[in-house]
Amino acid sequence: MKNIVSILVAVIAAAYTPLGYSKQLWSDFSISYLQGNDYLNPFADYEYSSKVVTLEHASGHTWGGTFMFMDRLTSDDGSADETYGEIGATMSMPKLMGKQRKDSFIKDYYLTAQLEHQSKDRGFNNYLYGLGVSLTVPAAKYFNVIVYRRNQDDFGIGKEDNNQLTITWCFDFAENWRIDGFWDITDSYDTIFGEAKGESHFTPQIKYNLGPAMGMDTGRFDVGIEYTYWKNKFGVDGADQKSVDMLIKWHF
């Protein structure tokens, strides 16, 4: 299955070559900064402060879309410094068949694949593949539901694959306000240390766009907060992180 994931993710490269049968419909690039005090080390059961710089890119194409980001996390005591990133692609069945569903409740359905990479300690690579739908939800800029099969890391501690449900959303409301975020839910799996418990990682952001007040004609300059509720963080039973971060995000 890792070969299947690699092939699907390779579509991203094809999207940016002259020979790739695709047309880019839109793209977004952003850089963000987070700072908070209630990050949890689930293995040592203590909290620490952290700063996170994120580079993020998303694009839509005639065949589907791409998404990628890289986090650089720096902790106050140096114990949790790491780089983490994800890169993924979707292949839209309606787009490939030339049958748009813009007025339907299920306006898109697609194959998806994703690679997760982390650099801390031994690091790991996780390979995900699955099926997703984009739903028409009142007032939502987008609302996606994806079911993944997770092929656990090839360098780390995982011994068994598991499943993941991911929900992503974006709602614009009032003037210049936005709420977006994700919710990842995974089931348990075996590791070399025993069972890793199922996780629930819920992270919404609420932001206000200062761009118009700053005279920006394009893009967004958001300020706000990010809330995280992470149950059984990294699969550790009872290790629940609840944190609020200050957020600055610039969409170019």
C-alpha atoms as a PDB file:
ATOM      1  CA  MET A   1       0.000   0.000   0.000  1.00  0.00           C
ATOM      2  CA  LYS A   2       2.932   2.338   0.544  1.00  0.00           C
ATOM      3  CA  ASN A   3       3.598   2.124  -3.194  1.00  0.00           C
ATOM      4  CA  ILE A   4       0.004   3.175  -3.895  1.00  0.00           C
ATOM      5  CA  VAL A   5       0.371   6.156  -1.597  1.00  0.00           C
ATOM      6  CA  SER A   6       3.652   7.130  -3.228  1.00  0.00           C
ATOM      7  CA  ILE A   7       2.068   6.993  -6.676  1.00  0.00           C
ATOM      8  CA  LEU A   8      -0.889   9.149  -5.657  1.00  0.00           C
ATOM      9  CA  VAL A   9       1.268  11.713  -3.892  1.00  0.00           C
ATOM     10  CA  ALA A  10       3.480  11.857  -6.996  1.00  0.00           C
ATOM     11  CA  VAL A  11       0.514  13.423  -8.777  1.00  0.00           C
ATOM     12  CA  ILE A  12       1.526  16.614  -7.000  1.00  0.00           C
ATOM     13  CA  ALA A  13       4.754  16.759  -8.962  1.00  0.00           C
ATOM     14  CA  ALA A  14       2.912  16.127 -12.216  1.00  0.00           C
ATOM     15  CA  ALA A  15       0.621  19.053 -11.490  1.00  0.00           C
ATOM     16  CA  TYR A  16       3.552  21.451 -11.759  1.00  0.00           C
ATOM     17  CA  THR A  17       5.102  20.117 -14.965  1.00  0.00           C
ATOM     18  CA  PRO A  18       4.250  21.251 -18.502  1.00  0.00           C
ATOM     19  CA  LEU A  19       3.421  17.658 -19.442  1.00  0.00           C
ATOM     20  CA  GLY A  20       1.009  17.219 -16.553  1.00  0.00           C
ATOM     21  CA  TYR A  21      -2.600  17.042 -17.784  1.00  0.00           C
ATOM     22  CA  SER A  22      -3.869  19.669 -15.397  1.00  0.00           C
ATOM     23  CA  LYS A  23      -4.789  23.283 -14.958  1.00  0.00           C
ATOM     24  CA  GLN A  24      -4.384  25.090 -11.674  1.00  0.00           C
ATOM     25  CA  LEU A  25      -7.657  26.738 -10.664  1.00  0.00           C
ATOM     26  CA  TRP A  26      -6.536  28.417  -7.449  1.00  0.00           C
ATOM     27  CA  SER A  27      -3.742  28.377  -4.878  1.00  0.00           C
ATOM     28  CA  ASP A  28      -3.052  29.712  -1.399  1.00  0.00           C
ATOM     29  CA  PHE A  29       0.229  30.123   0.479  1.00  0.00           C
ATOM     30  CA  SER A  30       0.477  31.223   4.098  1.00  0.00           C
ATOM     31  CA  ILE A  31       2.902  31.553   6.970  1.00  0.00           C
ATOM     32  CA  SER A  32       1.714  31.492  10.566  1.00  0.00           C
ATOM     33  CA  TYR A  33       3.090  31.874  14.080  1.00  0.00           C
ATOM     34  CA  LEU A  34       1.670  30.255  17.211  1.00  0.00           C
ATOM     35  CA  GLN A  35       2.701  30.676  20.826  1.00  0.00           C
ATOM     36  CA  GLY A  36       1.245  28.911  23.851  1.00  0.00           C
ATOM     37  CA  ASN A  37       2.008  27.670  27.349  1.00  0.00           C
ATOM     38  CA  ASP A  38       0.023  24.470  27.875  1.00  0.00           C
ATOM     39  CA  TYR A  39       1.656  21.937  25.556  1.00  0.00           C
ATOM     40  CA  LEU A  40       1.734  18.460  27.087  1.00  0.00           C
ATOM     41  CA  ASN A  41       4.586  15.964  27.081  1.00  0.00           C
ATOM     42  CA  PRO A  42       2.486  12.800  27.441  1.00  0.00           C
ATOM     43  CA  PHE A  43       5.426  10.511  28.204  1.00  0.00           C
ATOM     44  CA  ALA A  44       6.828  12.564  31.105  1.00  0.00           C
ATOM     45  CA  ASP A  45       3.481  14.103  32.148  1.00  0.00           C
ATOM     46  CA  TYR A  46       4.478  17.756  32.274  1.00  0.00           C
ATOM     47  CA  GLU A  47       3.507  20.917  30.397  1.00  0.00           C
ATOM     48  CA  TYR A  48       5.788  23.311  28.546  1.00  0.00           C
ATOM     49  CA  SER A  49       5.646  26.471  26.418  1.00  0.00           C
ATOM     50  CA  SER A  50       6.161  26.290  22.677  1.00  0.00           C
ATOM     51  CA  LYS A  51       6.433  28.433  19.559  1.00  0.00           C
ATOM     52  CA  VAL A  52       5.368  27.097  16.164  1.00  0.00           C
ATOM     53  CA  VAL A  53       6.120  28.530  12.708  1.00  0.00           C
ATOM     54  CA  THR A  54       4.074  26.965   9.899  1.00  0.00           C
ATOM     55  CA  LEU A  55       4.446  27.187   6.127  1.00  0.00           C
ATOM     56  CA  GLU A  56       1.324  26.010   4.309  1.00  0.00           C
ATOM     57  CA  HIS A  57       0.261  25.644   0.682  1.00  0.00           C
ATOM     58  CA  ALA A  58      -2.953  24.414  -0.929  1.00  0.00           C
ATOM     59  CA  SER A  59      -4.101  24.357  -4.542  1.00  0.00           C
ATOM     60  CA  GLY A  60      -7.023  23.237  -6.663  1.00  0.00           C
ATOM     61  CA  HIS A  61      -6.667  21.663 -10.107  1.00  0.00           C
ATOM     62  CA  THR A  62      -8.823  20.268 -12.870  1.00  0.00           C
ATOM     63  CA  TRP A  63      -8.143  16.770 -11.498  1.00  0.00           C
ATOM     64  CA  GLY A  64      -8.315  17.425  -7.738  1.00  0.00           C
ATOM     65  CA  GLY A  65      -6.094  19.238  -5.282  1.00  0.00           C
ATOM     66  CA  THR A  66      -2.937  19.334  -3.190  1.00  0.00           C
ATOM     67  CA  PHE A  67      -2.181  20.302   0.376  1.00  0.00           C
ATOM     68  CA  MET A  68       1.093  20.536   2.253  1.00  0.00           C
ATOM     69  CA  PHE A  69       2.480  22.152   5.370  1.00  0.00           C
ATOM     70  CA  MET A  70       5.578  22.160   7.549  1.00  0.00           C
ATOM     71  CA  ASP A  71       5.657  23.004  11.268  1.00  0.00           C
ATOM     72  CA  ARG A  72       8.804  24.009  13.116  1.00  0.00           C
ATOM     73  CA  LEU A  73       8.183  23.618  16.852  1.00  0.00           C
ATOM     74  CA  THR A  74      10.531  25.138  19.437  1.00  0.00           C
ATOM     75  CA  SER A  75       9.911  24.468  23.135  1.00  0.00           C
ATOM     76  CA  ASP A  76      11.092  26.648  25.998  1.00  0.00           C
ATOM     77  CA  ASP A  77      13.268  23.902  27.487  1.00  0.00           C
ATOM     78  CA  GLY A  78      14.419  22.340  24.211  1.00  0.00           C
ATOM     79  CA  SER A  79      12.804  18.998  25.003  1.00  0.00           C
ATOM     80  CA  ALA A  80      10.212  19.120  22.215  1.00  0.00           C
ATOM     81  CA  ASP A  81      12.005  20.813  19.314  1.00  0.00           C
ATOM     82  CA  GLU A  82      11.004  19.163  16.060  1.00  0.00           C
ATOM     83  CA  THR A  83       9.970  19.586  12.451  1.00  0.00           C
ATOM     84  CA  TYR A  84       6.720  17.987  11.329  1.00  0.00           C
ATOM     85  CA  GLY A  85       5.100  18.074   7.908  1.00  0.00           C
ATOM     86  CA  GLU A  86       2.382  16.584   5.745  1.00  0.00           C
ATOM     87  CA  ILE A  87       1.950  16.423   1.984  1.00  0.00           C
ATOM     88  CA  GLY A  88      -1.132  15.062   0.265  1.00  0.00           C
ATOM     89  CA  ALA A  89      -3.200  14.959  -2.891  1.00  0.00           C
ATOM     90  CA  THR A  90      -6.806  14.282  -3.839  1.00  0.00           C
ATOM     91  CA  MET A  91      -8.121  12.915  -7.129  1.00  0.00           C
ATOM     92  CA  SER A  92     -11.699  14.063  -7.752  1.00  0.00           C
ATOM     93  CA  MET A  93     -13.915  11.479  -9.426  1.00  0.00           C
ATOM     94  CA  PRO A  94     -16.500  14.011 -10.718  1.00  0.00           C
ATOM     95  CA  LYS A  95     -13.749  16.232 -12.155  1.00  0.00           C
ATOM     96  CA  LEU A  96     -12.001  13.342 -13.862  1.00  0.00           C
ATOM     97  CA  MET A  97     -15.333  12.168 -15.318  1.00  0.00           C
ATOM     98  CA  GLY A  98     -16.351  15.702 -16.316  1.00  0.00           C
ATOM     99  CA  LYS A  99     -19.438  15.637 -14.080  1.00  0.00           C
ATOM    100  CA  GLN A 100     -19.503  18.558 -11.651  1.00  0.00           C
ATOM    101  CA  ARG A 101     -21.830  18.327  -8.612  1.00  0.00           C
ATOM    102  CA  LYS A 102     -21.803  21.922  -7.341  1.00  0.00           C
ATOM    103  CA  ASP A 103     -25.514  21.950  -6.443  1.00  0.00           C
ATOM    104  CA  SER A 104     -25.506  18.595  -4.637  1.00  0.00           C
ATOM    105  CA  PHE A 105     -25.115  17.962  -0.901  1.00  0.00           C
ATOM    106  CA  ILE A 106     -22.119  15.779  -1.787  1.00  0.00           C
ATOM    107  CA  LYS A 107     -20.460  18.179  -4.201  1.00  0.00           C
ATOM    108  CA  ASP A 108     -17.244  16.181  -4.605  1.00  0.00           C
ATOM    109  CA  TYR A 109     -15.866  12.740  -3.760  1.00  0.00           C
ATOM    110  CA  TYR A 110     -12.283  11.706  -4.198  1.00  0.00           C
ATOM    111  CA  LEU A 111      -9.394   9.351  -3.628  1.00  0.00           C
ATOM    112  CA  THR A 112      -6.772  10.777  -1.314  1.00  0.00           C
ATOM    113  CA  ALA A 113      -3.266   9.947  -0.138  1.00  0.00           C
ATOM    114  CA  GLN A 114      -0.985  11.614   2.359  1.00  0.00           C
ATOM    115  CA  LEU A 115       2.524  11.361   3.782  1.00  0.00           C
ATOM    116  CA  GLU A 116       3.303  12.425   7.369  1.00  0.00           C
ATOM    117  CA  HIS A 117       6.921  13.064   8.374  1.00  0.00           C
ATOM    118  CA  GLN A 118       8.426  13.917  11.751  1.00  0.00           C
ATOM    119  CA  SER A 119      12.090  14.585  12.524  1.00  0.00           C
ATOM    120  CA  LYS A 120      12.285  14.281  16.323  1.00  0.00           C
ATOM    121  CA  ASP A 121      14.408  11.486  17.810  1.00  0.00           C
ATOM    122  CA  ARG A 122      14.286   8.602  15.300  1.00  0.00           C
ATOM    123  CA  GLY A 123      11.575  10.319  13.310  1.00  0.00           C
ATOM    124  CA  PHE A 124       8.876   8.554  11.322  1.00  0.00           C
ATOM    125  CA  ASN A 125       7.034   8.420   8.029  1.00  0.00           C
ATOM    126  CA  ASN A 126       3.344   7.493   8.031  1.00  0.00           C
ATOM    127  CA  TYR A 127       1.474   6.701   4.809  1.00  0.00           C
ATOM    128  CA  LEU A 128      -2.269   7.364   4.596  1.00  0.00           C
ATOM    129  CA  TYR A 129      -4.766   6.566   1.852  1.00  0.00           C
ATOM    130  CA  GLY A 130      -8.529   6.738   1.734  1.00  0.00           C
ATOM    131  CA  LEU A 131     -11.762   8.239   0.463  1.00  0.00           C
ATOM    132  CA  GLY A 132     -13.197  11.683   1.081  1.00  0.00           C
ATOM    133  CA  VAL A 133     -16.243  13.824   0.374  1.00  0.00           C
ATOM    134  CA  SER A 134     -16.771  17.575   0.198  1.00  0.00           C
ATOM    135  CA  LEU A 135     -20.192  18.532   1.543  1.00  0.00           C
ATOM    136  CA  THR A 136     -22.446  21.511   0.929  1.00  0.00           C
ATOM    137  CA  VAL A 137     -23.008  22.951   4.413  1.00  0.00           C
ATOM    138  CA  PRO A 138     -24.790  26.302   4.921  1.00  0.00           C
ATOM    139  CA  ALA A 139     -22.336  29.198   5.433  1.00  0.00           C
ATOM    140  CA  ALA A 140     -19.305  26.914   4.994  1.00  0.00           C
ATOM    141  CA  LYS A 141     -16.497  27.889   2.646  1.00  0.00           C
ATOM    142  CA  TYR A 142     -15.633  24.181   2.721  1.00  0.00           C
ATOM    143  CA  PHE A 143     -16.539  21.117   4.793  1.00  0.00           C
ATOM    144  CA  ASN A 144     -14.673  17.869   4.151  1.00  0.00           C
ATOM    145  CA  VAL A 145     -14.907  14.374   5.648  1.00  0.00           C
ATOM    146  CA  ILE A 146     -12.157  11.816   4.950  1.00  0.00           C
ATOM    147  CA  VAL A 147     -11.673   8.212   6.062  1.00  0.00           C
ATOM    148  CA  TYR A 148      -8.048   7.047   5.978  1.00  0.00           C
ATOM    149  CA  ARG A 149      -6.204   3.788   6.420  1.00  0.00           C
ATOM    150  CA  ARG A 150      -2.933   4.579   8.206  1.00  0.00           C
ATOM    151  CA  ASN A 151       0.206   2.609   7.317  1.00  0.00           C
ATOM    152  CA  GLN A 152       2.279   3.206  10.444  1.00  0.00           C
ATOM    153  CA  ASP A 153       5.787   4.608  10.446  1.00  0.00           C
ATOM    154  CA  ASP A 154       8.682   2.812   8.790  1.00  0.00           C
ATOM    155  CA  PHE A 155      11.306   4.125  11.237  1.00  0.00           C
ATOM    156  CA  GLY A 156       9.428   4.483  14.514  1.00  0.00           C
ATOM    157  CA  ILE A 157       7.583   2.379  17.072  1.00  0.00           C
ATOM    158  CA  GLY A 158       4.363   1.365  15.306  1.00  0.00           C
ATOM    159  CA  LYS A 159       3.759  -2.347  14.661  1.00  0.00           C
ATOM    160  CA  GLU A 160       0.173  -2.237  13.399  1.00  0.00           C
ATOM    161  CA  ASP A 161      -1.831  -0.114  10.978  1.00  0.00           C
ATOM    162  CA  ASN A 162      -4.979   1.690  12.061  1.00  0.00           C
ATOM    163  CA  ASN A 163      -7.775   3.970  10.843  1.00  0.00           C
ATOM    164  CA  GLN A 164      -8.377   7.710  10.919  1.00  0.00           C
ATOM    165  CA  LEU A 165     -11.405   9.950  10.435  1.00  0.00           C
ATOM    166  CA  THR A 166     -10.597  13.559   9.511  1.00  0.00           C
ATOM    167  CA  ILE A 167     -13.048  16.460   9.346  1.00  0.00           C
ATOM    168  CA  THR A 168     -11.960  19.895   8.094  1.00  0.00           C
ATOM    169  CA  TRP A 169     -14.050  23.053   7.872  1.00  0.00           C
ATOM    170  CA  CYS A 170     -14.006  26.789   7.213  1.00  0.00           C
ATOM    171  CA  PHE A 171     -16.772  29.287   8.026  1.00  0.00           C
ATOM    172  CA  ASP A 172     -16.605  33.012   7.240  1.00  0.00           C
ATOM    173  CA  PHE A 173     -19.002  35.117   9.303  1.00  0.00           C
ATOM    174  CA  ALA A 174     -19.722  38.739  10.171  1.00  0.00           C
ATOM    175  CA  GLU A 175     -17.141  40.974   8.490  1.00  0.00           C
ATOM    176  CA  ASN A 176     -13.592  39.624   8.265  1.00  0.00           C
ATOM    177  CA  TRP A 177     -14.138  36.868  10.858  1.00  0.00           C
ATOM    178  CA  ARG A 178     -13.281  33.219  10.157  1.00  0.00           C
ATOM    179  CA  ILE A 179     -13.469  29.912  12.029  1.00  0.00           C
ATOM    180  CA  ASP A 180     -11.636  26.949  10.526  1.00  0.00           C
ATOM    181  CA  GLY A 181      -9.842  23.863  11.721  1.00  0.00           C
ATOM    182  CA  PHE A 182      -9.655  20.078  11.791  1.00  0.00           C
ATOM    183  CA  TRP A 183     -10.651  17.085  13.886  1.00  0.00           C
ATOM    184  CA  ASP A 184      -8.642  13.850  13.628  1.00  0.00           C
ATOM    185  CA  ILE A 185      -9.969  10.694  15.288  1.00  0.00           C
ATOM    186  CA  THR A 186      -7.905   7.484  15.268  1.00  0.00           C
ATOM    187  CA  ASP A 187      -8.398   4.025  16.731  1.00  0.00           C
ATOM    188  CA  SER A 188      -5.841   2.093  18.788  1.00  0.00           C
ATOM    189  CA  TYR A 189      -2.881   0.123  17.424  1.00  0.00           C
ATOM    190  CA  ASP A 190       0.029  -1.956  18.714  1.00  0.00           C
ATOM    191  CA  THR A 191       3.536  -0.544  19.190  1.00  0.00           C
ATOM    192  CA  ILE A 192       6.806  -2.032  20.411  1.00  0.00           C
ATOM    193  CA  PHE A 193       5.875  -0.654  23.854  1.00  0.00           C
ATOM    194  CA  GLY A 194       2.308  -1.988  23.928  1.00  0.00           C
ATOM    195  CA  GLU A 195      -1.050  -0.613  22.837  1.00  0.00           C
ATOM    196  CA  ALA A 196      -1.357   2.996  21.684  1.00  0.00           C
ATOM    197  CA  LYS A 197      -4.829   4.237  22.578  1.00  0.00           C
ATOM    198  CA  GLY A 198      -7.167   5.854  20.093  1.00  0.00           C
ATOM    199  CA  GLU A 199      -6.772   9.625  19.825  1.00  0.00           C
ATOM    200  CA  SER A 200      -9.082  12.592  19.300  1.00  0.00           C
ATOM    201  CA  HIS A 201      -7.315  15.762  18.131  1.00  0.00           C
ATOM    202  CA  PHE A 202      -9.697  18.735  17.808  1.00  0.00           C
ATOM    203  CA  THR A 203      -8.157  22.066  16.738  1.00  0.00           C
ATOM    204  CA  PRO A 204     -10.286  25.062  15.683  1.00  0.00           C
ATOM    205  CA  GLN A 205      -8.963  28.560  14.990  1.00  0.00           C
ATOM    206  CA  ILE A 206     -10.941  31.785  15.311  1.00  0.00           C
ATOM    207  CA  LYS A 207      -9.406  34.713  13.435  1.00  0.00           C
ATOM    208  CA  TYR A 208     -10.014  38.304  12.408  1.00  0.00           C
ATOM    209  CA  ASN A 209      -8.649  39.622   9.109  1.00  0.00           C
ATOM    210  CA  LEU A 210      -6.723  42.878   9.643  1.00  0.00           C
ATOM    211  CA  GLY A 211      -5.824  43.056   5.952  1.00  0.00           C
ATOM    212  CA  PRO A 212      -8.417  45.683   4.933  1.00  0.00           C
ATOM    213  CA  ALA A 213      -7.437  47.938   7.847  1.00  0.00           C
ATOM    214  CA  MET A 214      -3.793  47.610   6.777  1.00  0.00           C
ATOM    215  CA  GLY A 215      -4.603  48.594   3.185  1.00  0.00           C
ATOM    216  CA  MET A 216      -4.027  45.110   1.759  1.00  0.00           C
ATOM    217  CA  ASP A 217      -5.766  44.602  -1.587  1.00  0.00           C
ATOM    218  CA  THR A 218      -5.119  40.853  -1.722  1.00  0.00           C
ATOM    219  CA  GLY A 219      -4.547  38.072   0.777  1.00  0.00           C
ATOM    220  CA  ARG A 220      -5.374  38.086   4.480  1.00  0.00           C
ATOM    221  CA  PHE A 221      -3.553  39.047   7.666  1.00  0.00           C
ATOM    222  CA  ASP A 222      -5.290  37.148  10.455  1.00  0.00           C
ATOM    223  CA  VAL A 223      -4.895  37.474  14.207  1.00  0.00           C
ATOM    224  CA  GLY A 224      -6.694  35.268  16.692  1.00  0.00           C
ATOM    225  CA  ILE A 225      -6.423  32.140  18.792  1.00  0.00           C
ATOM    226  CA  GLU A 226      -6.081  28.414  18.264  1.00  0.00           C
ATOM    227  CA  TYR A 227      -7.624  25.970  20.725  1.00  0.00           C
ATOM    228  CA  THR A 228      -6.423  22.370  20.969  1.00  0.00           C
ATOM    229  CA  TYR A 229      -8.056  19.429  22.707  1.00  0.00           C
ATOM    230  CA  TRP A 230      -5.945  16.330  22.164  1.00  0.00           C
ATOM    231  CA  LYS A 231      -7.236  13.239  23.963  1.00  0.00           C
ATOM    232  CA  ASN A 232      -4.700  10.444  24.547  1.00  0.00           C
ATOM    233  CA  LYS A 233      -1.922  12.476  22.913  1.00  0.00           C
ATOM    234  CA  PHE A 234       0.444  10.214  20.945  1.00  0.00           C
ATOM    235  CA  GLY A 235      -1.649   7.251  22.103  1.00  0.00           C
ATOM    236  CA  VAL A 236      -0.861   7.645  25.822  1.00  0.00           C
ATOM    237  CA  ASP A 237      -3.927   6.705  27.868  1.00  0.00           C
ATOM    238  CA  GLY A 238      -5.244   9.663  29.887  1.00  0.00           C
ATOM    239  CA  ALA A 239      -2.721  12.175  28.499  1.00  0.00           C
ATOM    240  CA  ASP A 240      -5.065  14.964  27.379  1.00  0.00           C
ATOM    241  CA  GLN A 241      -3.744  18.314  26.141  1.00  0.00           C
ATOM    242  CA  LYS A 242      -5.925  21.415  26.421  1.00  0.00           C
ATOM    243  CA  SER A 243      -4.159  24.510  25.152  1.00  0.00           C
ATOM    244  CA  VAL A 244      -4.865  27.972  23.776  1.00  0.00           C
ATOM    245  CA  ASP A 245      -2.324  29.654  21.492  1.00  0.00           C
ATOM    246  CA  MET A 246      -1.947  33.181  20.207  1.00  0.00           C
ATOM    247  CA  LEU A 247      -2.094  33.104  16.400  1.00  0.00           C
ATOM    248  CA  ILE A 248      -0.841  35.332  13.575  1.00  0.00           C
ATOM    249  CA  LYS A 249      -1.353  34.112   9.997  1.00  0.00           C
ATOM    250  CA  TRP A 250      -0.502  35.841   6.719  1.00  0.00           C
ATOM    251  CA  HIS A 251      -2.048  34.581   3.475  1.00  0.00           C
ATOM    252  CA  PHE A 252      -0.081  35.914   0.502  1.00  0.00           C
END
